[in-house]
């Protein structure tokens, strides 16, 4: 890639001389979270030749006077990172890349699954549910997906902690065969063997609703001492009548398992 990028520069000069209208490349910064060991760090990269990344964490637009990215940065509390690529001291691209993060007790903690996540929707890997990043209405990023089976996820907080709220975000995109679960059941355990049921939250949005929607399923309770949190999102039996996939399995998509 670096060699190709170098050779491309002479082509750009030729395009300029001929007065061509052309794209000078992709200057968007790739913001990638890494969740492990109870922490979330963020790495950033740009494919621009000799590009330098500048970023902010206070919501302001990045300039060459902002923080210069040199190594992964730690997420602390609630944070929004905006980042832009500069070439030869000039900010490139029309809009800065932006990603919001939020820390909670499950942030960076390991997650295991009773049923495997689809290889097509791995997002950022096994700890996608605890990387502090919420999904958007676009299904292709930051979502774990599973077809025809319940999503059963267990997070290990790695120590017994007081927990009073648990939530998981789910997506519905009718046109993509993605439906909100029928219900979500929340459980906790101190030893990973004996679990106590904290309640089941039923879905109140019809599977036939065509509008894309993100819904948080949550339980709030008197604080309990828990090390393990298990969440079971029950997949719909089949795609609803009238749907192109009627009678066939639907998908469950989840983004973040929040523990507070």
C-alpha atoms as a PDB file:
ATOM      1  CA  UNK A   1       0.000   0.000   0.000  1.00  0.00           C
ATOM      2  CA  UNK A   2       2.781   2.446   0.888  1.00  0.00           C
ATOM      3  CA  UNK A   3       4.518   1.794  -2.452  1.00  0.00           C
ATOM      4  CA  UNK A   4       1.255   2.258  -4.359  1.00  0.00           C
ATOM      5  CA  UNK A   5       0.568   5.470  -2.453  1.00  0.00           C
ATOM      6  CA  UNK A   6       4.021   6.802  -3.353  1.00  0.00           C
ATOM      7  CA  UNK A   7       3.576   6.039  -7.051  1.00  0.00           C
ATOM      8  CA  UNK A   8       0.130   7.607  -7.064  1.00  0.00           C
ATOM      9  CA  UNK A   9       1.500  11.074  -6.251  1.00  0.00           C
ATOM     10  CA  UNK A  10       2.954  11.552  -9.738  1.00  0.00           C
ATOM     11  CA  UNK A  11      -0.422  10.608 -11.204  1.00  0.00           C
ATOM     12  CA  UNK A  12      -2.071  13.287  -9.078  1.00  0.00           C
ATOM     13  CA  UNK A  13       0.346  15.898 -10.416  1.00  0.00           C
ATOM     14  CA  UNK A  14      -0.497  14.844 -13.959  1.00  0.00           C
ATOM     15  CA  UNK A  15      -4.227  15.050 -13.180  1.00  0.00           C
ATOM     16  CA  UNK A  16      -3.710  18.574 -11.827  1.00  0.00           C
ATOM     17  CA  UNK A  17      -1.841  19.640 -14.962  1.00  0.00           C
ATOM     18  CA  UNK A  18      -4.649  18.350 -17.163  1.00  0.00           C
ATOM     19  CA  UNK A  19      -7.309  20.029 -15.022  1.00  0.00           C
ATOM     20  CA  UNK A  20      -9.034  16.761 -14.104  1.00  0.00           C
ATOM     21  CA  UNK A  21     -11.521  16.573 -11.271  1.00  0.00           C
ATOM     22  CA  UNK A  22     -10.560  13.598  -9.079  1.00  0.00           C
ATOM     23  CA  UNK A  23     -10.532  12.272  -5.538  1.00  0.00           C
ATOM     24  CA  UNK A  24      -7.231  12.764  -3.757  1.00  0.00           C
ATOM     25  CA  UNK A  25      -7.891   9.783  -1.541  1.00  0.00           C
ATOM     26  CA  UNK A  26      -9.634   8.673   1.608  1.00  0.00           C
ATOM     27  CA  UNK A  27      -8.653  10.866   4.553  1.00  0.00           C
ATOM     28  CA  UNK A  28     -11.124   9.501   7.072  1.00  0.00           C
ATOM     29  CA  UNK A  29      -9.563   8.350  10.324  1.00  0.00           C
ATOM     30  CA  UNK A  30     -10.332   4.790  11.379  1.00  0.00           C
ATOM     31  CA  UNK A  31     -11.161   4.783  15.122  1.00  0.00           C
ATOM     32  CA  UNK A  32     -10.885   1.291  16.584  1.00  0.00           C
ATOM     33  CA  UNK A  33     -11.651   0.369  20.228  1.00  0.00           C
ATOM     34  CA  UNK A  34      -9.831  -2.461  22.004  1.00  0.00           C
ATOM     35  CA  UNK A  35     -11.567  -3.918  25.068  1.00  0.00           C
ATOM     36  CA  UNK A  36      -9.483  -6.083  27.379  1.00  0.00           C
ATOM     37  CA  UNK A  37      -8.365  -6.422  30.990  1.00  0.00           C
ATOM     38  CA  UNK A  38     -11.201  -4.207  32.182  1.00  0.00           C
ATOM     39  CA  UNK A  39     -10.028  -1.261  30.088  1.00  0.00           C
ATOM     40  CA  UNK A  40     -10.880   0.277  26.745  1.00  0.00           C
ATOM     41  CA  UNK A  41      -8.174   1.814  24.602  1.00  0.00           C
ATOM     42  CA  UNK A  42      -8.568   3.424  21.208  1.00  0.00           C
ATOM     43  CA  UNK A  43      -6.213   3.148  18.273  1.00  0.00           C
ATOM     44  CA  UNK A  44      -6.480   5.366  15.208  1.00  0.00           C
ATOM     45  CA  UNK A  45      -5.113   5.068  11.699  1.00  0.00           C
ATOM     46  CA  UNK A  46      -5.233   6.818   8.338  1.00  0.00           C
ATOM     47  CA  UNK A  47      -4.358   5.497   4.897  1.00  0.00           C
ATOM     48  CA  UNK A  48      -3.209   8.941   3.706  1.00  0.00           C
ATOM     49  CA  UNK A  49       0.437   9.112   2.673  1.00  0.00           C
ATOM     50  CA  UNK A  50       2.426  11.073   5.288  1.00  0.00           C
ATOM     51  CA  UNK A  51      -0.855  11.744   7.088  1.00  0.00           C
ATOM     52  CA  UNK A  52      -0.886  12.941  10.696  1.00  0.00           C
ATOM     53  CA  UNK A  53      -3.908  12.423  12.940  1.00  0.00           C
ATOM     54  CA  UNK A  54      -5.178  15.172  15.243  1.00  0.00           C
ATOM     55  CA  UNK A  55      -8.002  14.543  17.688  1.00  0.00           C
ATOM     56  CA  UNK A  56     -10.145  16.105  20.401  1.00  0.00           C
ATOM     57  CA  UNK A  57     -12.131  14.638  23.292  1.00  0.00           C
ATOM     58  CA  UNK A  58     -14.199  17.703  24.234  1.00  0.00           C
ATOM     59  CA  UNK A  59     -16.560  17.711  21.255  1.00  0.00           C
ATOM     60  CA  UNK A  60     -14.692  20.399  19.325  1.00  0.00           C
ATOM     61  CA  UNK A  61     -13.555  19.987  15.742  1.00  0.00           C
ATOM     62  CA  UNK A  62      -9.920  18.896  15.421  1.00  0.00           C
ATOM     63  CA  UNK A  63      -7.336  21.295  13.979  1.00  0.00           C
ATOM     64  CA  UNK A  64      -3.562  21.069  13.769  1.00  0.00           C
ATOM     65  CA  UNK A  65      -3.529  22.720  17.219  1.00  0.00           C
ATOM     66  CA  UNK A  66      -5.416  19.730  18.711  1.00  0.00           C
ATOM     67  CA  UNK A  67      -3.893  16.615  20.260  1.00  0.00           C
ATOM     68  CA  UNK A  68      -1.552  14.762  17.921  1.00  0.00           C
ATOM     69  CA  UNK A  69      -2.187  11.022  17.877  1.00  0.00           C
ATOM     70  CA  UNK A  70       0.956   9.010  18.559  1.00  0.00           C
ATOM     71  CA  UNK A  71      -0.156   5.936  20.512  1.00  0.00           C
ATOM     72  CA  UNK A  72      -3.414   4.286  21.713  1.00  0.00           C
ATOM     73  CA  UNK A  73      -5.358   6.407  24.192  1.00  0.00           C
ATOM     74  CA  UNK A  74      -7.367   5.237  27.197  1.00  0.00           C
ATOM     75  CA  UNK A  75     -11.099   5.887  27.394  1.00  0.00           C
ATOM     76  CA  UNK A  76     -12.003   7.587  30.636  1.00  0.00           C
ATOM     77  CA  UNK A  77     -15.634   8.025  31.597  1.00  0.00           C
ATOM     78  CA  UNK A  78     -17.968   9.246  28.898  1.00  0.00           C
ATOM     79  CA  UNK A  79     -15.933  10.435  25.926  1.00  0.00           C
ATOM     80  CA  UNK A  80     -16.447  11.488  22.311  1.00  0.00           C
ATOM     81  CA  UNK A  81     -13.401  11.361  20.081  1.00  0.00           C
ATOM     82  CA  UNK A  82     -13.263  13.443  16.917  1.00  0.00           C
ATOM     83  CA  UNK A  83     -10.281  12.857  14.646  1.00  0.00           C
ATOM     84  CA  UNK A  84      -9.032  14.237  11.338  1.00  0.00           C
ATOM     85  CA  UNK A  85      -6.117  13.630   9.001  1.00  0.00           C
ATOM     86  CA  UNK A  86      -3.671  16.417   8.186  1.00  0.00           C
ATOM     87  CA  UNK A  87      -1.257  16.360   5.242  1.00  0.00           C
ATOM     88  CA  UNK A  88       1.486  18.978   4.999  1.00  0.00           C
ATOM     89  CA  UNK A  89      -0.095  20.866   7.886  1.00  0.00           C
ATOM     90  CA  UNK A  90      -3.569  21.040   6.316  1.00  0.00           C
ATOM     91  CA  UNK A  91      -6.665  19.262   7.644  1.00  0.00           C
ATOM     92  CA  UNK A  92      -8.049  17.024   4.895  1.00  0.00           C
ATOM     93  CA  UNK A  93     -11.556  15.704   4.364  1.00  0.00           C
ATOM     94  CA  UNK A  94     -14.891  17.433   4.747  1.00  0.00           C
ATOM     95  CA  UNK A  95     -15.833  15.967   8.122  1.00  0.00           C
ATOM     96  CA  UNK A  96     -13.929  14.590  11.091  1.00  0.00           C
ATOM     97  CA  UNK A  97     -14.441  10.969  12.127  1.00  0.00           C
ATOM     98  CA  UNK A  98     -16.414  10.723  15.356  1.00  0.00           C
ATOM     99  CA  UNK A  99     -16.969   7.980  17.930  1.00  0.00           C
ATOM    100  CA  UNK A 100     -18.567   8.118  21.358  1.00  0.00           C
ATOM    101  CA  UNK A 101     -17.645   5.826  24.247  1.00  0.00           C
ATOM    102  CA  UNK A 102     -19.126   5.163  27.662  1.00  0.00           C
ATOM    103  CA  UNK A 103     -17.539   3.226  30.527  1.00  0.00           C
ATOM    104  CA  UNK A 104     -19.454   0.949  32.879  1.00  0.00           C
ATOM    105  CA  UNK A 105     -18.671  -2.016  35.134  1.00  0.00           C
ATOM    106  CA  UNK A 106     -18.554  -4.481  32.234  1.00  0.00           C
ATOM    107  CA  UNK A 107     -16.273  -2.341  30.054  1.00  0.00           C
ATOM    108  CA  UNK A 108     -13.347  -4.339  28.736  1.00  0.00           C
ATOM    109  CA  UNK A 109     -14.502  -7.518  30.490  1.00  0.00           C
ATOM    110  CA  UNK A 110     -14.531 -10.902  28.690  1.00  0.00           C
ATOM    111  CA  UNK A 111     -17.752 -12.225  27.183  1.00  0.00           C
ATOM    112  CA  UNK A 112     -18.656 -15.832  26.325  1.00  0.00           C
ATOM    113  CA  UNK A 113     -21.567 -17.098  24.239  1.00  0.00           C
ATOM    114  CA  UNK A 114     -23.719 -20.218  24.513  1.00  0.00           C
ATOM    115  CA  UNK A 115     -24.400 -20.029  20.751  1.00  0.00           C
ATOM    116  CA  UNK A 116     -21.709 -18.841  18.328  1.00  0.00           C
ATOM    117  CA  UNK A 117     -21.968 -15.391  16.789  1.00  0.00           C
ATOM    118  CA  UNK A 118     -22.287 -15.425  13.003  1.00  0.00           C
ATOM    119  CA  UNK A 119     -18.946 -15.129  11.236  1.00  0.00           C
ATOM    120  CA  UNK A 120     -20.537 -12.393   9.120  1.00  0.00           C
ATOM    121  CA  UNK A 121     -21.263 -10.170  12.142  1.00  0.00           C
ATOM    122  CA  UNK A 122     -18.238 -10.431  14.419  1.00  0.00           C
ATOM    123  CA  UNK A 123     -17.861  -6.625  14.676  1.00  0.00           C
ATOM    124  CA  UNK A 124     -14.704  -6.060  16.777  1.00  0.00           C
ATOM    125  CA  UNK A 125     -14.532  -9.597  18.134  1.00  0.00           C
ATOM    126  CA  UNK A 126     -15.754 -11.400  21.274  1.00  0.00           C
ATOM    127  CA  UNK A 127     -15.684  -8.295  23.460  1.00  0.00           C
ATOM    128  CA  UNK A 128     -17.816  -6.164  21.134  1.00  0.00           C
ATOM    129  CA  UNK A 129     -20.567  -6.217  23.768  1.00  0.00           C
ATOM    130  CA  UNK A 130     -18.216  -4.574  26.286  1.00  0.00           C
ATOM    131  CA  UNK A 131     -16.174  -2.147  24.164  1.00  0.00           C
ATOM    132  CA  UNK A 132     -18.136   0.953  25.172  1.00  0.00           C
ATOM    133  CA  UNK A 133     -19.438   1.582  21.645  1.00  0.00           C
ATOM    134  CA  UNK A 134     -23.120   1.686  20.783  1.00  0.00           C
ATOM    135  CA  UNK A 135     -24.366   0.579  17.390  1.00  0.00           C
ATOM    136  CA  UNK A 136     -26.221   2.757  14.914  1.00  0.00           C
ATOM    137  CA  UNK A 137     -29.155   1.998  12.629  1.00  0.00           C
ATOM    138  CA  UNK A 138     -26.604   0.677  10.129  1.00  0.00           C
ATOM    139  CA  UNK A 139     -26.313  -3.078  10.676  1.00  0.00           C
ATOM    140  CA  UNK A 140     -22.797  -3.579   9.355  1.00  0.00           C
ATOM    141  CA  UNK A 141     -20.741  -2.250  12.274  1.00  0.00           C
ATOM    142  CA  UNK A 142     -20.638  -2.584  16.074  1.00  0.00           C
ATOM    143  CA  UNK A 143     -23.356  -5.248  16.099  1.00  0.00           C
ATOM    144  CA  UNK A 144     -23.095  -8.929  17.012  1.00  0.00           C
ATOM    145  CA  UNK A 145     -25.552 -10.983  14.982  1.00  0.00           C
ATOM    146  CA  UNK A 146     -26.932 -14.512  15.353  1.00  0.00           C
ATOM    147  CA  UNK A 147     -29.547 -16.235  13.184  1.00  0.00           C
ATOM    148  CA  UNK A 148     -32.223 -18.657  14.319  1.00  0.00           C
ATOM    149  CA  UNK A 149     -30.843 -19.067  17.855  1.00  0.00           C
ATOM    150  CA  UNK A 150     -31.060 -17.135  21.108  1.00  0.00           C
ATOM    151  CA  UNK A 151     -28.237 -14.755  21.901  1.00  0.00           C
ATOM    152  CA  UNK A 152     -26.972 -15.953  25.300  1.00  0.00           C
ATOM    153  CA  UNK A 153     -24.056 -13.821  26.523  1.00  0.00           C
ATOM    154  CA  UNK A 154     -22.232 -14.060  29.852  1.00  0.00           C
ATOM    155  CA  UNK A 155     -19.858 -11.336  30.994  1.00  0.00           C
ATOM    156  CA  UNK A 156     -17.291 -11.957  33.723  1.00  0.00           C
ATOM    157  CA  UNK A 157     -16.778  -8.809  35.815  1.00  0.00           C
ATOM    158  CA  UNK A 158     -13.656 -10.565  37.193  1.00  0.00           C
ATOM    159  CA  UNK A 159     -14.576  -9.668  40.764  1.00  0.00           C
ATOM    160  CA  UNK A 160     -17.748  -9.560  42.836  1.00  0.00           C
ATOM    161  CA  UNK A 161     -19.321  -6.122  42.521  1.00  0.00           C
ATOM    162  CA  UNK A 162     -22.534  -4.366  43.500  1.00  0.00           C
ATOM    163  CA  UNK A 163     -24.835  -4.224  40.467  1.00  0.00           C
ATOM    164  CA  UNK A 164     -28.128  -2.349  40.263  1.00  0.00           C
ATOM    165  CA  UNK A 165     -28.837  -1.993  36.534  1.00  0.00           C
ATOM    166  CA  UNK A 166     -28.242  -4.175  33.481  1.00  0.00           C
ATOM    167  CA  UNK A 167     -29.162  -3.335  29.897  1.00  0.00           C
ATOM    168  CA  UNK A 168     -28.550  -4.600  26.397  1.00  0.00           C
ATOM    169  CA  UNK A 169     -29.211  -2.777  23.139  1.00  0.00           C
ATOM    170  CA  UNK A 170     -30.888  -4.604  20.239  1.00  0.00           C
ATOM    171  CA  UNK A 171     -31.667  -3.663  16.648  1.00  0.00           C
ATOM    172  CA  UNK A 172     -34.632  -4.177  14.339  1.00  0.00           C
ATOM    173  CA  UNK A 173     -34.267  -3.788  10.578  1.00  0.00           C
ATOM    174  CA  UNK A 174     -37.256  -5.463   8.944  1.00  0.00           C
ATOM    175  CA  UNK A 175     -35.783  -5.320   5.443  1.00  0.00           C
ATOM    176  CA  UNK A 176     -32.602  -7.118   6.611  1.00  0.00           C
ATOM    177  CA  UNK A 177     -34.410  -9.922   8.496  1.00  0.00           C
ATOM    178  CA  UNK A 178     -33.199  -8.456  11.814  1.00  0.00           C
ATOM    179  CA  UNK A 179     -35.837  -8.381  14.550  1.00  0.00           C
ATOM    180  CA  UNK A 180     -35.960  -7.365  18.157  1.00  0.00           C
ATOM    181  CA  UNK A 181     -35.952 -10.388  20.472  1.00  0.00           C
ATOM    182  CA  UNK A 182     -39.261 -11.648  21.839  1.00  0.00           C
ATOM    183  CA  UNK A 183     -37.894 -10.984  25.310  1.00  0.00           C
ATOM    184  CA  UNK A 184     -34.651 -10.585  27.241  1.00  0.00           C
ATOM    185  CA  UNK A 185     -33.919 -12.423  30.498  1.00  0.00           C
ATOM    186  CA  UNK A 186     -31.326 -11.103  32.965  1.00  0.00           C
ATOM    187  CA  UNK A 187     -29.494 -13.274  35.506  1.00  0.00           C
ATOM    188  CA  UNK A 188     -26.569 -12.888  37.881  1.00  0.00           C
ATOM    189  CA  UNK A 189     -24.204 -15.188  39.731  1.00  0.00           C
ATOM    190  CA  UNK A 190     -21.364 -14.892  42.235  1.00  0.00           C
ATOM    191  CA  UNK A 191     -19.712 -18.209  41.266  1.00  0.00           C
ATOM    192  CA  UNK A 192     -20.613 -18.725  37.598  1.00  0.00           C
ATOM    193  CA  UNK A 193     -22.591 -21.871  38.429  1.00  0.00           C
ATOM    194  CA  UNK A 194     -25.674 -20.827  40.376  1.00  0.00           C
ATOM    195  CA  UNK A 195     -27.652 -18.059  38.708  1.00  0.00           C
ATOM    196  CA  UNK A 196     -30.499 -15.945  40.048  1.00  0.00           C
ATOM    197  CA  UNK A 197     -33.140 -14.612  37.669  1.00  0.00           C
ATOM    198  CA  UNK A 198     -33.543 -10.829  37.855  1.00  0.00           C
ATOM    199  CA  UNK A 199     -36.483 -10.711  35.485  1.00  0.00           C
ATOM    200  CA  UNK A 200     -37.595 -10.991  31.879  1.00  0.00           C
ATOM    201  CA  UNK A 201     -38.413  -7.920  29.789  1.00  0.00           C
ATOM    202  CA  UNK A 202     -40.850  -8.477  26.922  1.00  0.00           C
ATOM    203  CA  UNK A 203     -40.566  -6.687  23.603  1.00  0.00           C
ATOM    204  CA  UNK A 204     -43.384  -4.222  22.879  1.00  0.00           C
ATOM    205  CA  UNK A 205     -42.528  -3.385  19.257  1.00  0.00           C
ATOM    206  CA  UNK A 206     -44.182  -5.475  16.539  1.00  0.00           C
ATOM    207  CA  UNK A 207     -41.935  -7.586  14.329  1.00  0.00           C
ATOM    208  CA  UNK A 208     -43.982  -6.321  11.376  1.00  0.00           C
ATOM    209  CA  UNK A 209     -42.919  -2.706  12.032  1.00  0.00           C
ATOM    210  CA  UNK A 210     -40.871  -1.634   8.979  1.00  0.00           C
ATOM    211  CA  UNK A 211     -39.059   1.314  10.573  1.00  0.00           C
ATOM    212  CA  UNK A 212     -35.502   0.575  11.799  1.00  0.00           C
ATOM    213  CA  UNK A 213     -35.257   0.941  15.569  1.00  0.00           C
ATOM    214  CA  UNK A 214     -32.773   0.446  18.419  1.00  0.00           C
ATOM    215  CA  UNK A 215     -34.283  -0.651  21.719  1.00  0.00           C
ATOM    216  CA  UNK A 216     -32.611  -1.016  25.110  1.00  0.00           C
ATOM    217  CA  UNK A 217     -33.904  -3.856  27.262  1.00  0.00           C
ATOM    218  CA  UNK A 218     -33.036  -3.266  30.926  1.00  0.00           C
ATOM    219  CA  UNK A 219     -33.702  -4.198  34.545  1.00  0.00           C
ATOM    220  CA  UNK A 220     -33.209  -1.990  37.592  1.00  0.00           C
ATOM    221  CA  UNK A 221     -33.065  -3.542  41.055  1.00  0.00           C
ATOM    222  CA  UNK A 222     -31.851  -3.196  44.605  1.00  0.00           C
ATOM    223  CA  UNK A 223     -28.046  -3.714  44.385  1.00  0.00           C
ATOM    224  CA  UNK A 224     -26.931  -7.346  44.233  1.00  0.00           C
ATOM    225  CA  UNK A 225     -23.438  -8.785  44.568  1.00  0.00           C
ATOM    226  CA  UNK A 226     -22.496 -10.309  41.230  1.00  0.00           C
ATOM    227  CA  UNK A 227     -19.439 -11.411  39.319  1.00  0.00           C
ATOM    228  CA  UNK A 228     -21.183 -12.983  36.320  1.00  0.00           C
ATOM    229  CA  UNK A 229     -24.024 -11.434  34.332  1.00  0.00           C
ATOM    230  CA  UNK A 230     -25.952 -13.574  31.859  1.00  0.00           C
ATOM    231  CA  UNK A 231     -28.329 -12.106  29.304  1.00  0.00           C
ATOM    232  CA  UNK A 232     -30.587 -14.198  27.070  1.00  0.00           C
ATOM    233  CA  UNK A 233     -32.212 -12.489  24.083  1.00  0.00           C
ATOM    234  CA  UNK A 234     -34.875 -14.857  22.734  1.00  0.00           C
ATOM    235  CA  UNK A 235     -35.004 -14.872  18.934  1.00  0.00           C
ATOM    236  CA  UNK A 236     -38.384 -14.656  17.207  1.00  0.00           C
ATOM    237  CA  UNK A 237     -39.708 -18.040  16.105  1.00  0.00           C
ATOM    238  CA  UNK A 238     -39.748 -17.097  12.401  1.00  0.00           C
ATOM    239  CA  UNK A 239     -39.900 -13.999  10.249  1.00  0.00           C
ATOM    240  CA  UNK A 240     -43.485 -12.647  10.443  1.00  0.00           C
ATOM    241  CA  UNK A 241     -46.244 -13.287   7.894  1.00  0.00           C
ATOM    242  CA  UNK A 242     -45.986 -10.940   4.908  1.00  0.00           C
ATOM    243  CA  UNK A 243     -42.210 -10.691   5.218  1.00  0.00           C
ATOM    244  CA  UNK A 244     -40.106 -12.000   2.274  1.00  0.00           C
ATOM    245  CA  UNK A 245     -38.594 -14.516   4.705  1.00  0.00           C
ATOM    246  CA  UNK A 246     -41.887 -15.524   6.319  1.00  0.00           C
ATOM    247  CA  UNK A 247     -41.516 -18.880   8.045  1.00  0.00           C
ATOM    248  CA  UNK A 248     -37.701 -18.728   7.985  1.00  0.00           C
ATOM    249  CA  UNK A 249     -35.328 -17.883  10.890  1.00  0.00           C
ATOM    250  CA  UNK A 250     -34.760 -14.256  11.813  1.00  0.00           C
ATOM    251  CA  UNK A 251     -31.698 -12.548  13.268  1.00  0.00           C
ATOM    252  CA  UNK A 252     -30.960 -11.074  16.696  1.00  0.00           C
ATOM    253  CA  UNK A 253     -28.493  -8.176  16.803  1.00  0.00           C
ATOM    254  CA  UNK A 254     -26.967  -6.726  20.006  1.00  0.00           C
ATOM    255  CA  UNK A 255     -24.435  -3.950  20.535  1.00  0.00           C
ATOM    256  CA  UNK A 256     -23.530  -3.263  24.197  1.00  0.00           C
ATOM    257  CA  UNK A 257     -24.158  -5.070  27.454  1.00  0.00           C
ATOM    258  CA  UNK A 258     -24.194  -2.313  30.054  1.00  0.00           C
ATOM    259  CA  UNK A 259     -23.681  -3.115  33.743  1.00  0.00           C
ATOM    260  CA  UNK A 260     -23.995  -0.374  36.345  1.00  0.00           C
END
